[in-house]
Structure formats: structure tokens, C-alpha cells
């Protein structure tokens, strides 16, 4: 009888310990995600501020599009070669840049080239558009 009770207590303690570990792990994981988002936000702001310093460019707004799909196959690791990249490819799939001064084709091409170089993203995944000037309405006759 004593062994049975002791076994039950050990099982209960083990279960509580496992739940505690899972809780701690999930809490730490969520804090890491918030840190990454804050870092990403700072990088976007820094890129916007830097692009605004280019002559001929006014205010800039940037939207980044990420591939958030998690495609995982049980055989993915089995078929990967040792020479292939470890880790995932760049999840950044595209970028939209809205900037004052982008109506000038030369500035539009310059912005596309700069962003392609800085973010290591092909130019066909970068869209640069002119920002509407606030308070100015063009009426067609």
C-alpha cells in the first residue's frame, strides 16, 4: 500500500514539473517574438529615415511582406544535402515603398536599386509608388 501511494505521488510531482517546464518555455518563446518584432520595427524606421535623406525624396513609408507559411515535411531533413543552406531562406517576399518624389522615373529606379541592394531582394519584388501630397487635389477638367 505504501509503495502504491509513493508511486502516485511521484507521478503527480513529475506531471506538475512537466507542466511547469512547458509553461516556462511558452512564456520565454513569446517574449522572443516580441523582441524580434521590435527589432524589425526599428530596422524599418531606420530604412525610412535613411531613404528620406536622399536628394529628391521626401517622406517615405515602407510595408514589408513576409512569407509566414511553415512548410515542413517529415522527409525534408532526410533529402537535404549537407552542402545545402542550413536554416530557412529569407522570409521577406516583397516590399512596398510609398515615397514623395517617386513620380520621377530616375528616382523610382534609384530607390528600387538601393532597396534591392540593402535588403538582398530581387528588383521584381520591390514596388515603388508616389505618395499623395496632403492637401493638394488635382481636378481633371
Protein backbone atom coordinates (compact mmCIF):
# COMPACT_ATOMS: atom_id res chain seq x y z
CA UNK A 1 0.00 0.00 0.00
CA UNK A 2 2.84 2.36 0.89
CA UNK A 3 4.59 1.72 -2.47
CA UNK A 4 1.37 2.40 -4.36
CA UNK A 5 0.92 5.76 -2.62
CA UNK A 6 4.53 6.73 -3.18
CA UNK A 7 4.28 5.84 -6.87
CA UNK A 8 1.18 8.04 -7.22
CA UNK A 9 2.93 10.98 -5.52
CA UNK A 10 5.98 10.66 -7.78
CA UNK A 11 3.74 10.53 -10.86
CA UNK A 12 1.89 13.65 -9.69
CA UNK A 13 5.14 15.52 -9.00
CA UNK A 14 6.53 14.53 -12.41
CA UNK A 15 3.37 15.72 -14.16
CA UNK A 16 3.41 19.06 -12.32
CA UNK A 17 7.08 19.51 -13.18
CA UNK A 18 6.40 18.83 -16.88
CA UNK A 19 3.53 21.35 -16.90
CA UNK A 20 5.81 23.91 -15.22
CA UNK A 21 8.53 23.38 -17.87
CA UNK A 22 6.01 23.77 -20.71
CA UNK A 23 4.65 26.98 -19.15
CA UNK A 24 8.12 28.50 -18.73
CA UNK A 25 9.09 27.50 -22.27
CA UNK A 26 5.97 29.10 -23.80
CA UNK A 27 6.48 32.30 -21.78
CA UNK A 28 10.09 32.67 -22.89
CA UNK A 29 9.15 31.91 -26.51
CA UNK A 30 6.54 34.67 -26.60
CA UNK A 31 8.99 37.23 -25.24
CA UNK A 32 11.45 36.38 -28.01
CA UNK A 33 8.79 37.01 -30.65
CA UNK A 34 8.07 40.46 -29.23
CA UNK A 35 11.77 41.27 -29.28
CA UNK A 36 12.03 40.31 -32.97
CA UNK A 37 9.03 42.49 -33.87
CA UNK A 38 10.52 45.45 -32.02
CA UNK A 39 13.85 44.97 -33.79
CA UNK A 40 12.10 44.69 -37.16
CA UNK A 41 10.18 47.90 -36.48
CA UNK A 42 13.41 49.73 -35.66
CA UNK A 43 15.02 48.49 -38.87
CA UNK A 44 12.06 49.66 -40.98
CA UNK A 45 12.13 53.07 -39.29
CA UNK A 46 15.88 53.36 -39.84
CA UNK A 47 15.46 52.46 -43.53
CA UNK A 48 12.67 55.03 -43.93
CA UNK A 49 14.78 57.74 -42.26
CA UNK A 50 17.77 56.93 -44.44
CA UNK A 51 15.76 56.96 -47.66
CA UNK A 52 14.31 60.37 -46.72
CA UNK A 53 17.85 61.78 -46.73
CA UNK A 54 18.26 61.06 -50.45
CA UNK A 55 18.07 64.22 -52.55
CA UNK A 56 14.76 64.37 -54.40
CA UNK A 57 12.93 62.09 -51.97
CA UNK A 58 10.55 63.45 -49.37
CA UNK A 59 8.53 61.46 -46.88
CA UNK A 60 8.77 57.65 -47.14
CA UNK A 61 6.53 54.86 -45.88
CA UNK A 62 7.51 51.17 -46.12
CA UNK A 63 5.46 47.97 -45.92
CA UNK A 64 7.29 44.62 -45.76
CA UNK A 65 5.55 41.40 -46.84
CA UNK A 66 6.78 38.15 -45.30
CA UNK A 67 6.10 34.54 -46.24
CA UNK A 68 4.73 33.17 -42.99
CA UNK A 69 3.86 29.70 -44.27
CA UNK A 70 5.54 26.92 -42.38
CA UNK A 71 6.03 24.13 -44.88
CA UNK A 72 7.54 21.21 -43.07
CA UNK A 73 7.78 17.73 -44.47
CA UNK A 74 8.88 14.76 -42.38
CA UNK A 75 11.32 13.85 -45.14
CA UNK A 76 12.68 17.38 -45.65
CA UNK A 77 15.76 16.77 -43.49
CA UNK A 78 16.33 13.35 -44.99
CA UNK A 79 16.56 14.59 -48.57
CA UNK A 80 18.53 17.77 -47.83
CA UNK A 81 22.18 17.56 -48.77
CA UNK A 82 24.97 18.53 -46.44
CA UNK A 83 26.06 21.25 -48.87
CA UNK A 84 22.69 23.00 -48.79
CA UNK A 85 21.94 26.00 -46.65
CA UNK A 86 21.19 25.36 -43.03
CA UNK A 87 18.15 27.32 -41.93
CA UNK A 88 15.41 28.89 -43.92
CA UNK A 89 15.54 31.18 -46.89
CA UNK A 90 14.76 34.86 -46.49
CA UNK A 91 11.09 35.03 -45.45
CA UNK A 92 10.87 38.58 -46.87
CA UNK A 93 8.86 38.17 -50.06
CA UNK A 94 8.27 41.74 -51.15
CA UNK A 95 8.31 45.38 -50.20
CA UNK A 96 6.07 48.34 -50.96
CA UNK A 97 7.68 51.77 -50.78
CA UNK A 98 5.49 54.86 -50.97
CA UNK A 99 7.62 57.97 -51.32
CA UNK A 100 7.31 61.63 -52.24
CA UNK A 101 9.38 62.17 -55.36
CA UNK A 102 8.79 58.68 -56.75
CA UNK A 103 6.88 60.16 -59.70
CA UNK A 104 10.30 60.88 -61.23
CA UNK A 105 11.33 57.69 -63.10
CA UNK A 106 15.00 58.26 -62.27
CA UNK A 107 14.25 58.46 -58.53
CA UNK A 108 11.96 55.43 -58.74
CA UNK A 109 14.72 53.35 -60.33
CA UNK A 110 17.26 54.64 -57.82
CA UNK A 111 15.02 53.69 -54.87
CA UNK A 112 14.42 50.23 -56.35
CA UNK A 113 18.15 49.67 -56.85
CA UNK A 114 19.06 50.86 -53.34
CA UNK A 115 16.39 48.76 -51.61
CA UNK A 116 17.31 45.71 -53.68
CA UNK A 117 20.92 46.05 -52.59
CA UNK A 118 20.24 46.78 -48.92
CA UNK A 119 17.63 44.06 -48.37
CA UNK A 120 19.15 41.50 -50.77
CA UNK A 121 15.81 41.26 -52.58
CA UNK A 122 15.33 40.93 -56.36
CA UNK A 123 14.10 44.12 -58.02
CA UNK A 124 10.92 42.46 -59.30
CA UNK A 125 9.76 42.07 -55.69
CA UNK A 126 10.02 45.79 -54.95
CA UNK A 127 7.16 48.19 -55.72
CA UNK A 128 7.82 51.93 -55.51
CA UNK A 129 4.86 54.31 -55.77
CA UNK A 130 4.36 58.06 -55.50
CA UNK A 131 2.96 59.36 -52.21
CA UNK A 132 -0.07 61.63 -52.45
CA UNK A 133 0.75 65.11 -51.31
CA UNK A 134 -1.55 66.10 -48.47
CA UNK A 135 -3.90 68.99 -49.16
CA UNK A 136 -3.24 69.14 -52.91
CA UNK A 137 -6.08 67.90 -55.08
CA UNK A 138 -5.71 67.73 -58.83
CA UNK A 139 -9.05 68.10 -60.55
CA UNK A 140 -9.40 66.93 -64.11
CA UNK A 141 -11.46 69.14 -66.35
